[in-house]
Amino acid sequence: MGFWEGIKEQQLVFQRCKECGTWIHPPRPTCPKCRSFEKEWAPSTGKGTIHSWVTYRESPHPSFKAPYSVVLVELEEGVRLVSNMVDIKPEEISIGMPVEVVFDDVTEGLTLPKFRKVG
C-alpha cells in the first residue's frame, strides 16, 4: 500500500525505515537517516500540530472557495504534510494548534486528506 492507496481507504500511511524506524515523507528509495533500502508502509495516527499556515483571500480558480487556509502539519510521527483545514474560521487557526486528519471525498475517484482542530 502506498500513500494514495491508503488515502482511498481513508487511512494515512507513510514510509517507515525498517532499520532505524525513521518516518519518511515524501516517499524515497532510501532512508534519509541511515540510508537503508528496507522500508515499509505504516499507518499514522493522523494527529499532529500546525507548524505554519497561510490563508488565501482570493481564489485562483472557481473550484476554490475563498477564503481557504493551507496548513503545514507536523504529525506525531515527525513527518510534515501540506493540506487544508476544515470546519474552522481562518482567524481561529494558530501555530501549535492540535489537529487530526479527516478524509474529503472530493469526487468519486479523488479523496484528499484534510485537517480539523482537535477538541
C-alpha atoms as a PDB file:
ATOM      1  CA  MET A   1       0.000   0.000   0.000  1.00  0.00           C
ATOM      2  CA  GLY A   2       1.298   3.452  -0.899  1.00  0.00           C
ATOM      3  CA  PHE A   3       0.290   6.939   0.234  1.00  0.00           C
ATOM      4  CA  TRP A   4      -2.575   7.459  -2.250  1.00  0.00           C
ATOM      5  CA  GLU A   5      -3.804   3.879  -1.936  1.00  0.00           C
ATOM      6  CA  GLY A   6      -4.043   4.457   1.821  1.00  0.00           C
ATOM      7  CA  ILE A   7      -5.967   7.696   1.285  1.00  0.00           C
ATOM      8  CA  LYS A   8      -8.500   5.824  -0.884  1.00  0.00           C
ATOM      9  CA  GLU A   9      -9.044   3.518   2.108  1.00  0.00           C
ATOM     10  CA  GLN A  10      -9.297   6.582   4.411  1.00  0.00           C
ATOM     11  CA  GLN A  11      -6.042   5.722   6.118  1.00  0.00           C
ATOM     12  CA  LEU A  12      -2.986   7.966   6.353  1.00  0.00           C
ATOM     13  CA  VAL A  13       0.155   5.890   5.728  1.00  0.00           C
ATOM     14  CA  PHE A  14       3.810   6.825   5.315  1.00  0.00           C
ATOM     15  CA  GLN A  15       7.038   5.021   4.620  1.00  0.00           C
ATOM     16  CA  ARG A  16       8.953   3.929   7.723  1.00  0.00           C
ATOM     17  CA  CYS A  17      12.510   2.611   7.753  1.00  0.00           C
ATOM     18  CA  LYS A  18      12.714  -0.997   8.938  1.00  0.00           C
ATOM     19  CA  GLU A  19      16.294  -0.472  10.133  1.00  0.00           C
ATOM     20  CA  CYS A  20      16.104   2.686  12.258  1.00  0.00           C
ATOM     21  CA  GLY A  21      12.351   3.421  12.483  1.00  0.00           C
ATOM     22  CA  THR A  22      12.530   6.849  10.813  1.00  0.00           C
ATOM     23  CA  TRP A  23       9.252   8.001   9.238  1.00  0.00           C
ATOM     24  CA  ILE A  24       9.710   9.189   5.646  1.00  0.00           C
ATOM     25  CA  HIS A  25       7.683  11.640   3.554  1.00  0.00           C
ATOM     26  CA  PRO A  26       7.712  12.225   0.673  1.00  0.00           C
ATOM     27  CA  PRO A  27       8.485   8.615  -0.316  1.00  0.00           C
ATOM     28  CA  ARG A  28      12.030   7.932  -1.490  1.00  0.00           C
ATOM     29  CA  PRO A  29      14.267   4.964  -2.289  1.00  0.00           C
ATOM     30  CA  THR A  30      16.418   5.158   0.856  1.00  0.00           C
ATOM     31  CA  CYS A  31      16.054   6.261   4.465  1.00  0.00           C
ATOM     32  CA  PRO A  32      17.387   9.829   4.864  1.00  0.00           C
ATOM     33  CA  LYS A  33      18.832   8.937   8.280  1.00  0.00           C
ATOM     34  CA  CYS A  34      20.570   5.552   7.852  1.00  0.00           C
ATOM     35  CA  ARG A  35      20.434   5.110   4.038  1.00  0.00           C
ATOM     36  CA  SER A  36      18.738   1.712   4.305  1.00  0.00           C
ATOM     37  CA  PHE A  37      16.677   0.475   1.369  1.00  0.00           C
ATOM     38  CA  GLU A  38      14.450  -1.516   3.760  1.00  0.00           C
ATOM     39  CA  LYS A  39      11.180   0.350   4.221  1.00  0.00           C
ATOM     40  CA  GLU A  40       7.540  -0.439   4.934  1.00  0.00           C
ATOM     41  CA  TRP A  41       4.252   1.427   4.720  1.00  0.00           C
ATOM     42  CA  ALA A  42       2.920   2.093   8.206  1.00  0.00           C
ATOM     43  CA  PRO A  43      -0.273   3.780   9.458  1.00  0.00           C
ATOM     44  CA  SER A  44      -0.058   7.230  11.018  1.00  0.00           C
ATOM     45  CA  THR A  45      -2.144   8.308  13.990  1.00  0.00           C
ATOM     46  CA  GLY A  46      -3.306  11.197  11.810  1.00  0.00           C
ATOM     47  CA  LYS A  47      -2.724  13.581  14.716  1.00  0.00           C
ATOM     48  CA  GLY A  48      -0.329  16.490  14.801  1.00  0.00           C
ATOM     49  CA  THR A  49       0.072  20.231  15.217  1.00  0.00           C
ATOM     50  CA  ILE A  50       0.071  23.178  12.856  1.00  0.00           C
ATOM     51  CA  HIS A  51       3.641  24.173  12.043  1.00  0.00           C
ATOM     52  CA  SER A  52       2.688  27.003   9.655  1.00  0.00           C
ATOM     53  CA  TRP A  53      -0.270  28.209   7.606  1.00  0.00           C
ATOM     54  CA  VAL A  54      -1.477  30.750   5.073  1.00  0.00           C
ATOM     55  CA  THR A  55      -4.999  31.950   4.280  1.00  0.00           C
ATOM     56  CA  TYR A  56      -5.899  32.812   0.697  1.00  0.00           C
ATOM     57  CA  ARG A  57      -8.476  35.579   0.479  1.00  0.00           C
ATOM     58  CA  GLU A  58      -8.854  35.418  -3.319  1.00  0.00           C
ATOM     59  CA  SER A  59      -9.435  32.284  -5.330  1.00  0.00           C
ATOM     60  CA  PRO A  60      -7.204  31.356  -8.282  1.00  0.00           C
ATOM     61  CA  HIS A  61      -9.982  29.115  -9.646  1.00  0.00           C
ATOM     62  CA  PRO A  62     -13.769  28.821  -9.228  1.00  0.00           C
ATOM     63  CA  SER A  63     -13.396  25.405  -7.581  1.00  0.00           C
ATOM     64  CA  PHE A  64     -11.558  27.023  -4.635  1.00  0.00           C
ATOM     65  CA  LYS A  65     -13.979  28.953  -2.465  1.00  0.00           C
ATOM     66  CA  ALA A  66     -12.149  31.826  -0.746  1.00  0.00           C
ATOM     67  CA  PRO A  67     -11.143  32.337   1.924  1.00  0.00           C
ATOM     68  CA  TYR A  68      -9.421  28.993   2.449  1.00  0.00           C
ATOM     69  CA  SER A  69      -6.451  28.015   4.567  1.00  0.00           C
ATOM     70  CA  VAL A  70      -3.485  25.835   3.653  1.00  0.00           C
ATOM     71  CA  VAL A  71      -1.584  24.352   6.584  1.00  0.00           C
ATOM     72  CA  LEU A  72       1.732  22.625   7.121  1.00  0.00           C
ATOM     73  CA  VAL A  73       1.004  19.950   9.720  1.00  0.00           C
ATOM     74  CA  GLU A  74       3.736  18.227  11.688  1.00  0.00           C
ATOM     75  CA  LEU A  75       2.371  14.785  12.502  1.00  0.00           C
ATOM     76  CA  GLU A  76       3.165  12.849  15.681  1.00  0.00           C
ATOM     77  CA  GLU A  77       5.473  10.618  13.628  1.00  0.00           C
ATOM     78  CA  GLY A  78       7.616  13.626  12.673  1.00  0.00           C
ATOM     79  CA  VAL A  79       6.659  13.950   9.003  1.00  0.00           C
ATOM     80  CA  ARG A  80       5.074  17.119   7.664  1.00  0.00           C
ATOM     81  CA  LEU A  81       2.136  17.303   5.288  1.00  0.00           C
ATOM     82  CA  VAL A  82       0.650  20.272   3.394  1.00  0.00           C
ATOM     83  CA  SER A  83      -3.142  20.250   3.305  1.00  0.00           C
ATOM     84  CA  ASN A  84      -6.285  22.249   4.019  1.00  0.00           C
ATOM     85  CA  MET A  85      -8.134  22.989   7.246  1.00  0.00           C
ATOM     86  CA  VAL A  86     -11.866  22.324   7.527  1.00  0.00           C
ATOM     87  CA  ASP A  87     -14.589  23.405   9.950  1.00  0.00           C
ATOM     88  CA  ILE A  88     -12.697  26.446  11.248  1.00  0.00           C
ATOM     89  CA  LYS A  89     -12.541  30.178  10.515  1.00  0.00           C
ATOM     90  CA  PRO A  90      -9.141  31.358   9.224  1.00  0.00           C
ATOM     91  CA  GLU A  91      -8.690  33.766  12.142  1.00  0.00           C
ATOM     92  CA  GLU A  92      -9.012  30.866  14.616  1.00  0.00           C
ATOM     93  CA  ILE A  93      -6.007  28.952  13.229  1.00  0.00           C
ATOM     94  CA  SER A  94      -2.763  29.178  15.203  1.00  0.00           C
ATOM     95  CA  ILE A  95       0.706  27.659  15.212  1.00  0.00           C
ATOM     96  CA  GLY A  96       0.855  24.712  17.592  1.00  0.00           C
ATOM     97  CA  MET A  97      -2.888  24.008  17.310  1.00  0.00           C
ATOM     98  CA  PRO A  98      -3.619  20.282  17.677  1.00  0.00           C
ATOM     99  CA  VAL A  99      -5.275  18.792  14.591  1.00  0.00           C
ATOM    100  CA  GLU A 100      -6.399  15.422  13.246  1.00  0.00           C
ATOM    101  CA  VAL A 101      -6.849  14.092   9.736  1.00  0.00           C
ATOM    102  CA  VAL A 102     -10.236  13.823   8.043  1.00  0.00           C
ATOM    103  CA  PHE A 103     -10.865  12.498   4.557  1.00  0.00           C
ATOM    104  CA  ASP A 104     -12.747  14.512   1.930  1.00  0.00           C
ATOM    105  CA  ASP A 105     -14.243  12.587  -1.000  1.00  0.00           C
ATOM    106  CA  VAL A 106     -13.821  15.430  -3.496  1.00  0.00           C
ATOM    107  CA  THR A 107     -15.058  13.326  -6.422  1.00  0.00           C
ATOM    108  CA  GLU A 108     -15.885   9.666  -6.918  1.00  0.00           C
ATOM    109  CA  GLY A 109     -12.244   8.958  -7.756  1.00  0.00           C
ATOM    110  CA  LEU A 110     -10.456  11.535  -5.584  1.00  0.00           C
ATOM    111  CA  THR A 111     -10.168  11.583  -1.803  1.00  0.00           C
ATOM    112  CA  LEU A 112      -7.934  14.138  -0.077  1.00  0.00           C
ATOM    113  CA  PRO A 113      -6.584  14.212   3.466  1.00  0.00           C
ATOM    114  CA  LYS A 114      -7.531  17.422   5.268  1.00  0.00           C
ATOM    115  CA  PHE A 115      -7.277  18.504   8.889  1.00  0.00           C
ATOM    116  CA  ARG A 116      -9.598  19.772  11.609  1.00  0.00           C
ATOM    117  CA  LYS A 117      -8.974  21.199  15.045  1.00  0.00           C
ATOM    118  CA  VAL A 118      -8.954  18.657  17.882  1.00  0.00           C
ATOM    119  CA  GLY A 119     -11.318  19.433  20.739  1.00  0.00           C
END
